[in-house]
């Protein structure tokens, strides 16, 4: 079990519109530099089934600065 993280909207959040073939691990690598941080995107978007991304879905992605300063400490 892990502690909950603060996922309230921030000024430096980015957004990604899901297309066919998108996977959370690939998006985490693209935006956060680490594929293993896919769970952050799930938490930020209340995704419970990470394999069920649908095209057109808009994902909110935290900035790497916020992640490294406040979440991965």
C-alpha atoms as a PDB file:
ATOM      1  CA  UNK A   1       0.000   0.000   0.000  1.00  0.00           C
ATOM      2  CA  UNK A   2       1.258   3.481  -0.801  1.00  0.00           C
ATOM      3  CA  UNK A   3       0.329   6.873   0.527  1.00  0.00           C
ATOM      4  CA  UNK A   4      -2.092   8.999  -1.535  1.00  0.00           C
ATOM      5  CA  UNK A   5      -0.537  11.836  -3.507  1.00  0.00           C
ATOM      6  CA  UNK A   6      -1.847  15.344  -4.103  1.00  0.00           C
ATOM      7  CA  UNK A   7      -3.355  15.316  -7.583  1.00  0.00           C
ATOM      8  CA  UNK A   8      -5.061  18.694  -7.472  1.00  0.00           C
ATOM      9  CA  UNK A   9      -4.733  20.668 -10.729  1.00  0.00           C
ATOM     10  CA  UNK A  10      -1.578  22.730 -11.122  1.00  0.00           C
ATOM     11  CA  UNK A  11      -0.513  25.481 -13.487  1.00  0.00           C
ATOM     12  CA  UNK A  12       2.211  23.309 -15.022  1.00  0.00           C
ATOM     13  CA  UNK A  13       0.080  20.239 -15.799  1.00  0.00           C
ATOM     14  CA  UNK A  14       0.165  19.046 -19.387  1.00  0.00           C
ATOM     15  CA  UNK A  15      -2.566  17.334 -21.357  1.00  0.00           C
ATOM     16  CA  UNK A  16      -2.481  14.473 -23.831  1.00  0.00           C
ATOM     17  CA  UNK A  17      -5.288  13.315 -26.089  1.00  0.00           C
ATOM     18  CA  UNK A  18      -5.166   9.517 -26.346  1.00  0.00           C
ATOM     19  CA  UNK A  19      -4.783   8.010 -29.821  1.00  0.00           C
ATOM     20  CA  UNK A  20      -4.749   4.395 -30.993  1.00  0.00           C
ATOM     21  CA  UNK A  21      -1.684   2.589 -29.692  1.00  0.00           C
ATOM     22  CA  UNK A  22      -1.061   4.870 -26.705  1.00  0.00           C
ATOM     23  CA  UNK A  23       0.020   3.075 -23.541  1.00  0.00           C
ATOM     24  CA  UNK A  24       0.554   4.573 -20.114  1.00  0.00           C
ATOM     25  CA  UNK A  25       4.117   3.323 -19.846  1.00  0.00           C
ATOM     26  CA  UNK A  26       5.002   4.940 -23.175  1.00  0.00           C
ATOM     27  CA  UNK A  27       3.319   8.197 -22.169  1.00  0.00           C
ATOM     28  CA  UNK A  28       5.142   8.184 -18.822  1.00  0.00           C
ATOM     29  CA  UNK A  29       8.448   7.735 -20.652  1.00  0.00           C
ATOM     30  CA  UNK A  30       7.586  10.521 -23.098  1.00  0.00           C
ATOM     31  CA  UNK A  31       6.404  13.091 -20.548  1.00  0.00           C
ATOM     32  CA  UNK A  32       8.115  12.045 -17.306  1.00  0.00           C
ATOM     33  CA  UNK A  33      11.281  10.362 -18.578  1.00  0.00           C
ATOM     34  CA  UNK A  34      10.545   7.049 -16.827  1.00  0.00           C
ATOM     35  CA  UNK A  35       8.170   4.353 -18.090  1.00  0.00           C
ATOM     36  CA  UNK A  36       7.833   2.976 -14.558  1.00  0.00           C
ATOM     37  CA  UNK A  37       5.974   6.162 -13.511  1.00  0.00           C
ATOM     38  CA  UNK A  38       2.842   5.099 -15.447  1.00  0.00           C
ATOM     39  CA  UNK A  39       0.975   4.843 -12.135  1.00  0.00           C
ATOM     40  CA  UNK A  40       1.238   8.623 -11.675  1.00  0.00           C
ATOM     41  CA  UNK A  41      -0.802   9.199 -14.816  1.00  0.00           C
ATOM     42  CA  UNK A  42      -3.367   6.715 -13.469  1.00  0.00           C
ATOM     43  CA  UNK A  43      -3.584   8.555 -10.155  1.00  0.00           C
ATOM     44  CA  UNK A  44      -3.885  11.964 -11.797  1.00  0.00           C
ATOM     45  CA  UNK A  45      -6.727  10.762 -14.010  1.00  0.00           C
ATOM     46  CA  UNK A  46      -8.581   8.338 -11.702  1.00  0.00           C
ATOM     47  CA  UNK A  47      -7.796   5.429 -14.012  1.00  0.00           C
ATOM     48  CA  UNK A  48      -8.436   2.077 -12.370  1.00  0.00           C
ATOM     49  CA  UNK A  49      -7.887  -0.157 -15.412  1.00  0.00           C
ATOM     50  CA  UNK A  50      -4.706   1.117 -17.107  1.00  0.00           C
ATOM     51  CA  UNK A  51      -5.128  -1.082 -20.190  1.00  0.00           C
ATOM     52  CA  UNK A  52      -8.457   0.509 -21.083  1.00  0.00           C
ATOM     53  CA  UNK A  53      -7.405   3.808 -22.637  1.00  0.00           C
ATOM     54  CA  UNK A  54      -9.860   4.969 -25.270  1.00  0.00           C
ATOM     55  CA  UNK A  55      -8.981   7.225 -28.212  1.00  0.00           C
ATOM     56  CA  UNK A  56     -10.049  10.804 -27.584  1.00  0.00           C
ATOM     57  CA  UNK A  57      -9.658  10.505 -23.812  1.00  0.00           C
ATOM     58  CA  UNK A  58      -7.862  13.575 -22.404  1.00  0.00           C
ATOM     59  CA  UNK A  59      -5.173  12.774 -19.842  1.00  0.00           C
ATOM     60  CA  UNK A  60      -3.744  15.268 -17.377  1.00  0.00           C
ATOM     61  CA  UNK A  61      -0.041  14.699 -16.824  1.00  0.00           C
ATOM     62  CA  UNK A  62       1.952  16.282 -13.998  1.00  0.00           C
ATOM     63  CA  UNK A  63       5.135  18.173 -14.751  1.00  0.00           C
ATOM     64  CA  UNK A  64       8.395  16.377 -14.075  1.00  0.00           C
ATOM     65  CA  UNK A  65       9.406  19.225 -11.744  1.00  0.00           C
ATOM     66  CA  UNK A  66       6.363  18.597  -9.557  1.00  0.00           C
ATOM     67  CA  UNK A  67       6.898  14.853  -9.643  1.00  0.00           C
ATOM     68  CA  UNK A  68      10.564  15.014  -8.676  1.00  0.00           C
ATOM     69  CA  UNK A  69      10.120  17.670  -5.977  1.00  0.00           C
ATOM     70  CA  UNK A  70       6.974  16.417  -4.254  1.00  0.00           C
ATOM     71  CA  UNK A  71       6.164  12.833  -5.108  1.00  0.00           C
ATOM     72  CA  UNK A  72       9.383  10.884  -5.492  1.00  0.00           C
ATOM     73  CA  UNK A  73      11.129  12.282  -2.419  1.00  0.00           C
END
